[in-house]
N, C-alpha and C. Protein backbone atom coordinates (compact mmCIF):
# COMPACT_ATOMS: atom_id res chain seq x y z
N UNK A 1 -65.95 154.00 35.58
CA UNK A 1 -66.74 153.22 35.31
C UNK A 1 -66.48 151.99 34.52
N UNK A 2 -67.38 150.59 35.21
CA UNK A 2 -66.57 149.29 34.59
C UNK A 2 -67.80 149.51 33.58
N UNK A 3 -66.82 149.25 31.79
CA UNK A 3 -67.88 148.45 30.79
C UNK A 3 -66.98 147.33 30.42
N UNK A 4 -67.69 146.29 30.94
CA UNK A 4 -66.36 145.14 30.33
C UNK A 4 -66.58 144.70 29.16
N UNK A 5 -65.70 144.29 28.73
CA UNK A 5 -64.78 144.84 27.39
C UNK A 5 -66.06 143.29 26.62
N UNK A 6 -66.08 142.15 26.76
CA UNK A 6 -66.99 141.07 26.39
C UNK A 6 -68.17 141.62 26.32
N UNK A 7 -69.04 142.51 26.31
CA UNK A 7 -70.22 143.14 26.11
C UNK A 7 -70.20 144.07 24.77
N UNK A 8 -71.44 144.38 24.30
CA UNK A 8 -71.95 145.17 23.85
C UNK A 8 -72.43 146.20 24.01
N UNK A 9 -73.17 147.28 23.98
CA UNK A 9 -73.59 148.27 24.53
C UNK A 9 -74.38 149.25 23.64
N UNK A 10 -75.90 149.98 23.91
CA UNK A 10 -76.71 149.99 23.11
C UNK A 10 -76.71 151.81 23.65
N UNK A 11 -76.73 152.92 23.03
CA UNK A 11 -76.40 154.43 23.68
C UNK A 11 -77.91 154.58 24.39
N UNK A 12 -79.38 153.71 24.40
CA UNK A 12 -79.93 153.43 25.60
C UNK A 12 -79.33 153.17 27.05
N UNK A 13 -77.93 152.62 27.09
CA UNK A 13 -77.08 152.35 28.47
C UNK A 13 -77.79 151.66 29.06
N UNK A 14 -77.72 150.64 27.52
CA UNK A 14 -78.03 148.89 28.14
C UNK A 14 -77.50 148.21 27.37
N UNK A 15 -76.80 146.26 28.11
CA UNK A 15 -75.87 146.17 27.36
C UNK A 15 -76.44 144.65 27.11
N UNK A 16 -75.44 144.41 26.10
CA UNK A 16 -75.83 142.84 25.38
C UNK A 16 -74.79 141.76 25.37
N UNK A 17 -74.81 140.80 26.28
CA UNK A 17 -73.25 139.78 26.06
C UNK A 17 -74.05 138.15 24.87
N UNK A 18 -73.32 138.83 23.77
CA UNK A 18 -73.56 137.81 22.89
C UNK A 18 -72.76 136.56 23.21
N UNK A 19 -74.14 134.96 23.31
CA UNK A 19 -73.53 133.91 22.98
C UNK A 19 -74.52 133.06 22.14
N UNK A 20 -73.09 132.88 20.41
CA UNK A 20 -74.37 132.16 19.74
C UNK A 20 -75.37 133.01 19.74
N UNK A 21 -76.73 132.61 19.31
CA UNK A 21 -77.37 133.79 18.89
C UNK A 21 -78.59 133.97 20.44
N UNK A 22 -77.73 134.44 21.58
CA UNK A 22 -78.25 133.94 22.88
C UNK A 22 -78.03 135.52 23.30
N UNK A 23 -78.73 136.68 23.49
CA UNK A 23 -78.67 137.04 24.18
C UNK A 23 -78.90 137.70 25.53
N UNK A 24 -77.74 138.04 25.96
CA UNK A 24 -77.73 138.25 27.99
C UNK A 24 -78.25 140.05 28.10
N UNK A 25 -79.16 140.57 28.50
CA UNK A 25 -79.59 142.12 28.67
C UNK A 25 -79.29 142.71 29.34
N UNK A 26 -78.54 143.62 30.09
CA UNK A 26 -79.16 144.38 31.73
C UNK A 26 -78.96 145.73 30.81
N UNK A 27 -78.44 146.54 32.59
CA UNK A 27 -78.73 147.95 32.09
C UNK A 27 -76.69 148.62 32.01
N UNK A 28 -75.93 149.26 32.38
CA UNK A 28 -74.96 149.69 32.13
C UNK A 28 -74.78 149.90 33.85
N UNK A 29 -73.53 150.19 33.97
CA UNK A 29 -72.94 150.60 35.50
C UNK A 29 -73.20 152.50 35.01
N UNK A 30 -72.89 152.87 33.86
CA UNK A 30 -73.51 154.56 34.25
C UNK A 30 -74.78 154.52 34.20
N UNK A 31 -75.85 153.53 33.74
CA UNK A 31 -77.10 154.25 33.93
C UNK A 31 -77.53 153.72 35.42
N UNK A 32 -77.17 152.58 35.98
CA UNK A 32 -77.14 152.34 37.50
C UNK A 32 -77.14 153.32 38.45
N UNK A 33 -75.84 154.15 37.63
CA UNK A 33 -75.24 155.04 38.83
C UNK A 33 -76.22 156.58 38.29
N UNK A 34 -76.55 156.99 37.28
CA UNK A 34 -77.95 158.07 36.97
C UNK A 34 -78.68 158.07 37.76
N UNK A 35 -79.34 156.39 37.88
CA UNK A 35 -80.72 156.26 38.01
C UNK A 35 -80.48 156.68 39.31
N UNK A 36 -79.47 156.24 40.26
CA UNK A 36 -79.34 156.26 41.55
C UNK A 36 -80.02 155.04 42.19
N UNK A 37 -80.56 155.53 43.69
CA UNK A 37 -80.90 154.12 44.15
C UNK A 37 -81.93 153.47 43.27
N UNK A 38 -82.82 152.46 42.60
CA UNK A 38 -83.52 151.79 41.81
C UNK A 38 -84.53 150.84 43.26
N UNK A 39 -85.97 151.73 42.96
CA UNK A 39 -86.85 151.25 43.37
C UNK A 39 -87.59 150.02 43.34
N UNK A 40 -87.24 149.75 41.73
CA UNK A 40 -88.54 148.80 41.44
C UNK A 40 -88.37 148.78 40.11
N UNK A 41 -88.65 146.92 39.64
CA UNK A 41 -88.86 147.05 37.76
C UNK A 41 -89.39 145.71 37.32
N UNK A 42 -90.25 146.18 36.07
CA UNK A 42 -91.22 144.93 35.83
C UNK A 42 -90.43 145.18 34.39
N UNK A 43 -90.51 143.59 34.14
CA UNK A 43 -90.04 143.43 32.47
C UNK A 43 -91.25 142.29 31.84
N UNK A 44 -91.29 142.44 30.75
CA UNK A 44 -91.73 141.73 29.54
C UNK A 44 -91.59 140.22 30.46
N UNK A 45 -92.38 139.14 30.32
CA UNK A 45 -92.54 138.14 30.51
C UNK A 45 -91.97 137.61 29.58
N UNK A 46 -91.79 135.94 30.04
CA UNK A 46 -90.74 134.87 28.83
C UNK A 46 -91.68 135.05 27.71
N UNK A 47 -90.94 134.98 27.09
CA UNK A 47 -92.35 134.48 25.25
C UNK A 47 -92.97 135.47 24.84
N UNK A 48 -92.28 137.07 25.08
CA UNK A 48 -92.87 138.03 24.60
C UNK A 48 -91.64 138.51 23.60
N UNK A 49 -92.11 139.22 22.73
CA UNK A 49 -90.88 139.16 21.00
C UNK A 49 -90.87 140.95 21.78
N UNK A 50 -89.64 141.24 21.49
CA UNK A 50 -89.21 142.59 22.03
C UNK A 50 -88.68 143.28 20.76
N UNK A 51 -88.07 144.03 20.23
CA UNK A 51 -87.53 145.06 19.23
C UNK A 51 -86.59 145.92 19.80
N UNK A 52 -85.59 145.97 18.94
CA UNK A 52 -84.47 146.76 18.97
C UNK A 52 -84.80 148.35 19.20
N UNK A 53 -84.23 148.54 19.95
CA UNK A 53 -84.95 150.13 20.29
C UNK A 53 -86.09 149.88 20.64
N UNK A 54 -86.79 149.26 20.86
CA UNK A 54 -88.45 149.67 21.67
C UNK A 54 -88.09 149.31 23.85
N UNK A 55 -89.08 149.41 24.18
CA UNK A 55 -88.69 149.20 25.90
C UNK A 55 -89.08 147.57 25.70
N UNK A 56 -88.48 146.68 26.83
CA UNK A 56 -88.89 145.32 27.35
C UNK A 56 -89.00 145.35 28.60
N UNK A 57 -89.22 146.48 29.29
CA UNK A 57 -89.87 147.08 31.18
C UNK A 57 -89.53 148.35 31.11
N UNK A 58 -89.67 148.10 32.45
CA UNK A 58 -90.07 150.03 33.05
C UNK A 58 -89.00 149.60 34.51
N UNK A 59 -88.54 150.46 35.04
CA UNK A 59 -87.36 150.87 35.57
C UNK A 59 -87.76 152.03 36.58
N UNK A 60 -88.12 151.64 37.92
CA UNK A 60 -88.31 153.44 38.69
C UNK A 60 -87.25 153.66 39.61
N UNK A 61 -86.64 154.56 39.59
CA UNK A 61 -85.41 154.95 40.03
C UNK A 61 -86.11 155.85 41.63
N UNK A 62 -85.06 156.62 42.49
CA UNK A 62 -85.98 157.81 42.96
C UNK A 62 -85.68 158.67 42.31
N UNK A 63 -85.03 159.37 41.16
CA UNK A 63 -85.47 160.08 40.23
C UNK A 63 -86.05 159.92 39.09
N UNK A 64 -86.77 158.71 38.43
CA UNK A 64 -87.28 159.07 37.85
C UNK A 64 -87.65 157.46 37.17
N UNK A 65 -89.01 157.19 36.65
CA UNK A 65 -89.66 155.62 36.19
C UNK A 65 -89.84 156.12 34.79
N UNK A 66 -88.94 155.29 33.73
CA UNK A 66 -88.85 155.02 32.89
C UNK A 66 -88.00 153.55 32.07
N UNK A 67 -88.28 154.12 30.68
CA UNK A 67 -88.87 152.21 29.84
C UNK A 67 -87.09 151.56 29.49
N UNK A 68 -87.02 150.63 29.71
CA UNK A 68 -85.91 149.97 29.45
C UNK A 68 -85.59 149.62 28.03
N UNK A 69 -84.90 150.11 26.96
CA UNK A 69 -84.85 149.83 25.83
C UNK A 69 -84.28 148.73 25.24
N UNK A 70 -84.50 147.92 24.36
CA UNK A 70 -83.75 146.67 24.22
C UNK A 70 -82.11 146.85 23.38
N UNK A 71 -81.65 146.72 23.12
CA UNK A 71 -80.17 146.67 22.04
C UNK A 71 -80.22 145.50 21.47
N UNK A 72 -81.35 144.73 21.48
CA UNK A 72 -81.58 143.54 20.37
C UNK A 72 -83.16 143.47 19.78
N UNK A 73 -83.47 142.70 18.79
CA UNK A 73 -84.61 141.73 18.70
C UNK A 73 -84.98 140.37 18.71
N UNK A 74 -85.86 140.00 19.60
CA UNK A 74 -85.90 138.41 19.22
C UNK A 74 -87.16 138.16 19.97
N UNK A 75 -87.29 136.94 20.57
CA UNK A 75 -87.85 136.82 22.00
C UNK A 75 -87.24 136.50 23.56
N UNK A 76 -88.33 136.70 24.55
CA UNK A 76 -87.37 136.74 25.64
C UNK A 76 -87.67 135.13 26.04
N UNK A 77 -86.43 134.78 26.59
CA UNK A 77 -86.43 132.99 27.13
C UNK A 77 -86.15 133.36 28.17
N UNK A 78 -85.59 134.46 28.84
CA UNK A 78 -85.68 133.54 30.57
C UNK A 78 -85.87 135.35 31.24
N UNK A 79 -86.13 135.73 32.60
CA UNK A 79 -86.03 136.89 33.39
C UNK A 79 -85.64 136.71 34.19
N UNK A 80 -84.72 137.63 35.07
CA UNK A 80 -83.88 137.38 36.00
C UNK A 80 -84.95 137.12 37.55
N UNK A 81 -85.19 135.99 37.40
CA UNK A 81 -86.55 136.44 39.08
C UNK A 81 -86.53 136.93 40.24
N UNK A 82 -85.15 137.01 40.32
CA UNK A 82 -84.60 137.98 41.55
C UNK A 82 -84.79 139.23 42.18
N UNK A 83 -84.70 139.61 40.64
CA UNK A 83 -84.69 141.55 40.71
C UNK A 83 -85.86 141.69 41.37
N UNK A 84 -87.40 141.02 41.13
CA UNK A 84 -88.14 142.33 41.89
C UNK A 84 -87.86 141.95 43.16
N UNK A 85 -87.43 140.86 44.39
CA UNK A 85 -87.35 141.15 45.65
C UNK A 85 -85.95 141.91 45.81
N UNK A 86 -85.12 141.69 44.53
CA UNK A 86 -83.50 142.33 45.16
C UNK A 86 -83.34 143.29 44.49
N UNK A 87 -83.92 144.58 44.21
CA UNK A 87 -83.46 145.67 43.11
C UNK A 87 -82.40 146.45 43.28
N UNK A 88 -81.70 145.85 44.28
CA UNK A 88 -80.78 146.57 44.74
C UNK A 88 -79.46 146.36 44.01
N UNK A 89 -79.59 145.01 43.89
CA UNK A 89 -78.76 144.29 43.27
C UNK A 89 -77.95 144.98 41.39
N UNK A 90 -78.98 145.57 41.27
CA UNK A 90 -78.61 146.68 39.70
C UNK A 90 -77.91 147.73 39.93
N UNK A 91 -77.85 147.92 41.22
CA UNK A 91 -76.57 149.47 41.95
C UNK A 91 -75.61 148.26 42.23
N UNK A 92 -75.50 147.53 42.82
CA UNK A 92 -73.77 146.92 42.91
C UNK A 92 -73.29 146.42 41.91
N UNK A 93 -74.69 145.22 40.90
CA UNK A 93 -73.39 144.88 40.19
C UNK A 93 -74.83 144.47 38.80
N UNK A 94 -74.40 145.22 38.54
CA UNK A 94 -75.16 145.55 37.10
C UNK A 94 -74.75 144.33 35.70
N UNK A 95 -73.94 143.99 36.15
CA UNK A 95 -73.43 143.00 34.75
C UNK A 95 -73.19 141.37 35.04
N UNK A 96 -73.45 140.90 36.39
CA UNK A 96 -73.49 139.94 36.34
C UNK A 96 -75.26 139.52 37.04
N UNK A 97 -74.54 139.45 38.31
CA UNK A 97 -76.50 138.76 38.98
C UNK A 97 -77.31 140.07 38.79
N UNK A 98 -77.13 141.24 37.86
CA UNK A 98 -78.08 142.52 38.21
C UNK A 98 -78.39 141.61 35.95
N UNK A 99 -78.16 140.74 35.86
CA UNK A 99 -79.04 140.67 34.12
C UNK A 99 -80.23 140.88 34.65
N UNK A 100 -80.75 141.52 33.34
CA UNK A 100 -82.31 141.27 33.27
C UNK A 100 -83.37 140.15 32.60
N UNK A 101 -82.73 140.43 31.67
CA UNK A 101 -83.04 139.35 30.50
C UNK A 101 -82.54 138.40 29.69
N UNK A 102 -82.79 137.14 28.81
CA UNK A 102 -81.91 136.59 27.90
C UNK A 102 -82.69 136.35 27.01
N UNK A 103 -82.37 136.81 25.09
CA UNK A 103 -83.48 136.79 24.36
C UNK A 103 -82.56 135.86 23.46
N UNK A 104 -83.71 135.26 22.42
CA UNK A 104 -83.13 134.55 21.62
C UNK A 104 -83.02 135.58 20.37
N UNK A 105 -81.73 136.02 19.99
CA UNK A 105 -81.87 137.33 18.72
C UNK A 105 -82.28 136.69 17.05
N UNK A 106 -83.26 136.96 16.57
CA UNK A 106 -83.67 136.98 15.50
C UNK A 106 -82.53 137.13 14.23
N UNK A 107 -81.89 138.69 14.74
CA UNK A 107 -80.70 138.45 13.45
C UNK A 107 -80.02 139.17 14.17
N UNK A 108 -78.98 138.72 13.74
CA UNK A 108 -77.20 138.90 14.77
C UNK A 108 -76.72 139.89 13.80
N UNK A 109 -77.25 140.04 12.68
CA UNK A 109 -76.57 140.70 11.59
C UNK A 109 -76.93 142.65 11.70
N UNK A 110 -78.07 142.58 12.25
CA UNK A 110 -78.74 143.70 13.16
C UNK A 110 -78.26 144.16 14.22
N UNK A 111 -77.50 143.85 14.57
CA UNK A 111 -76.52 144.14 16.28
C UNK A 111 -75.25 145.05 15.10
N UNK A 112 -75.56 145.68 14.53
CA UNK A 112 -74.08 146.50 14.42
C UNK A 112 -73.65 148.06 14.75
N UNK A 113 -74.91 148.27 15.14
CA UNK A 113 -75.25 149.86 15.63
C UNK A 113 -74.44 149.67 17.32
N UNK A 114 -74.54 148.06 17.49
CA UNK A 114 -73.80 148.75 19.22
C UNK A 114 -72.69 149.09 19.01
N UNK A 115 -72.52 149.35 20.40
CA UNK A 115 -70.74 149.99 20.54
C UNK A 115 -70.16 148.71 20.93
N UNK A 116 -68.53 149.03 21.06
CA UNK A 116 -67.32 148.15 22.05
C UNK A 116 -67.40 149.17 23.20
N UNK A 117 -66.79 148.49 24.11
CA UNK A 117 -66.73 149.05 25.33
C UNK A 117 -65.88 150.65 25.20
N UNK A 118 -64.82 150.34 24.18
CA UNK A 118 -63.87 151.89 24.02
C UNK A 118 -65.14 152.68 23.50
N UNK A 119 -65.83 152.61 22.35
CA UNK A 119 -66.64 153.23 22.26
C UNK A 119 -67.93 153.79 22.68
N UNK A 120 -68.24 152.65 23.53
CA UNK A 120 -69.36 153.32 24.62
C UNK A 120 -68.47 154.32 25.56
N UNK A 121 -67.67 154.35 25.81
CA UNK A 121 -67.17 155.29 27.29
C UNK A 121 -66.73 156.24 26.53
N UNK A 122 -66.87 156.30 25.22
CA UNK A 122 -66.54 157.77 24.32
C UNK A 122 -67.51 158.57 24.46
N UNK A 123 -68.99 157.56 24.47
CA UNK A 123 -69.78 158.25 24.09
C UNK A 123 -70.49 158.30 25.17
N UNK A 124 -70.06 158.13 26.33
CA UNK A 124 -70.44 158.33 27.39
C UNK A 124 -70.03 159.71 28.02
N UNK A 125 -67.93 160.27 27.82
CA UNK A 125 -68.24 161.61 27.23
C UNK A 125 -69.22 162.54 26.86
N UNK A 126 -69.14 162.01 25.56
CA UNK A 126 -70.44 162.88 24.93
C UNK A 126 -71.37 163.15 25.82
N UNK A 127 -71.86 162.47 26.14
CA UNK A 127 -73.33 162.29 27.17
C UNK A 127 -73.16 162.96 28.55
N UNK A 128 -71.60 162.91 28.51
CA UNK A 128 -71.55 163.82 29.72
C UNK A 128 -71.52 165.44 29.68
N UNK A 129 -70.77 166.02 28.15
CA UNK A 129 -71.02 167.04 28.16
C UNK A 129 -72.60 167.70 28.17
N UNK A 130 -72.74 166.45 27.29
CA UNK A 130 -74.75 166.90 26.93
C UNK A 130 -75.38 167.30 28.39
N UNK A 131 -75.10 166.62 29.30
CA UNK A 131 -75.14 166.27 30.73
C UNK A 131 -75.28 167.52 30.97
N UNK A 132 -73.88 168.43 31.32
CA UNK A 132 -73.59 169.24 31.61
C UNK A 132 -74.22 170.63 31.24
N UNK A 133 -74.71 170.62 30.15
CA UNK A 133 -75.80 171.61 29.06
C UNK A 133 -76.83 171.31 29.90
N UNK A 134 -77.81 171.16 31.00
CA UNK A 134 -78.88 170.97 31.78
C UNK A 134 -79.93 169.24 31.11
N UNK A 135 -79.69 168.43 30.19
CA UNK A 135 -80.18 167.75 29.53
C UNK A 135 -79.83 166.32 29.77
N UNK A 136 -80.13 165.37 30.87
CA UNK A 136 -79.88 163.85 31.08
C UNK A 136 -80.63 163.25 29.89
N UNK A 137 -79.98 162.60 29.36
CA UNK A 137 -80.43 161.64 27.98
C UNK A 137 -80.83 160.34 28.74
N UNK A 138 -80.43 160.26 29.47
CA UNK A 138 -81.08 158.52 30.22
C UNK A 138 -81.98 159.12 30.76
N UNK A 139 -82.53 160.05 31.44
CA UNK A 139 -83.15 160.53 32.42
C UNK A 139 -84.79 160.77 31.34
N UNK A 140 -83.91 161.88 30.12
CA UNK A 140 -84.97 162.30 29.23
C UNK A 140 -85.60 163.98 29.67
N UNK A 141 -85.08 164.32 30.66
CA UNK A 141 -85.45 165.43 31.73
C UNK A 141 -84.54 166.40 31.84
N UNK A 142 -84.89 167.63 31.36
CA UNK A 142 -84.33 168.52 31.68
C UNK A 142 -83.97 168.92 33.34
N UNK A 143 -83.06 169.11 33.60
CA UNK A 143 -83.05 169.48 35.61
C UNK A 143 -83.16 170.69 35.69
N UNK A 144 -84.03 170.99 36.48
CA UNK A 144 -83.69 172.56 37.16
C UNK A 144 -82.27 173.06 37.62
N UNK A 145 -81.85 174.09 37.49
CA UNK A 145 -81.07 174.62 37.33
C UNK A 145 -81.17 176.55 38.49
N UNK A 146 -80.67 176.64 39.19
CA UNK A 146 -80.92 177.49 40.16
C UNK A 146 -80.20 178.64 39.45
N UNK A 147 -80.37 179.72 39.22
CA UNK A 147 -79.19 180.41 38.72
C UNK A 147 -79.38 181.85 39.63
N UNK A 148 -77.94 182.19 40.08
CA UNK A 148 -78.10 183.17 41.01
C UNK A 148 -78.23 184.85 40.33
N UNK A 149 -78.47 185.52 40.76
CA UNK A 149 -78.55 186.75 39.79
C UNK A 149 -78.30 187.92 40.62
N UNK A 150 -77.33 188.23 40.85
CA UNK A 150 -75.99 188.86 41.24
C UNK A 150 -76.89 190.01 41.69
N UNK A 151 -78.02 190.74 41.15
CA UNK A 151 -78.17 192.02 41.19
C UNK A 151 -79.62 191.79 42.22
N UNK A 152 -80.01 190.72 42.38
CA UNK A 152 -80.85 191.22 43.33
C UNK A 152 -80.24 190.82 45.08
N UNK A 153 -80.78 191.28 45.83
CA UNK A 153 -80.40 191.61 47.39
C UNK A 153 -80.88 190.16 47.98
N UNK A 154 -79.71 189.72 49.11
CA UNK A 154 -80.21 188.64 49.22
C UNK A 154 -79.90 189.00 50.56
N UNK A 155 -81.17 188.48 51.80
CA UNK A 155 -81.54 188.71 52.50
C UNK A 155 -82.37 188.23 53.61
């Protein structure tokens, strides 16, 4: 999986590219992979206030509908207008043409919880261990697991 080194990452599988006090925000390659085929996206409009750790939109995939969690606090200053008509770019290019919103960040010091690429990759390794224990933290649902009872006759 690709985690560009010039971005910062949230544990909710969103990324932020910071330029002065402007953050470009999207979902990570890991998130789009786990969501599988993305069907639709609804983002908060321009001028909406958003809070770090709170939703800035909703994404629907074949697997689940879930909130998009903001890695930064501030005001949305632009929204990727191409996404509603071509959500497939989130699966094919989540870091470039698949950006979601730009935010005028209120407090740059409040972003020290974000991870660099290496720390995010390590976090994903931890998530994968958790995921193998039947709970997918991105989808926030327990997956159905069919166990085979060897004492039962198959027939």
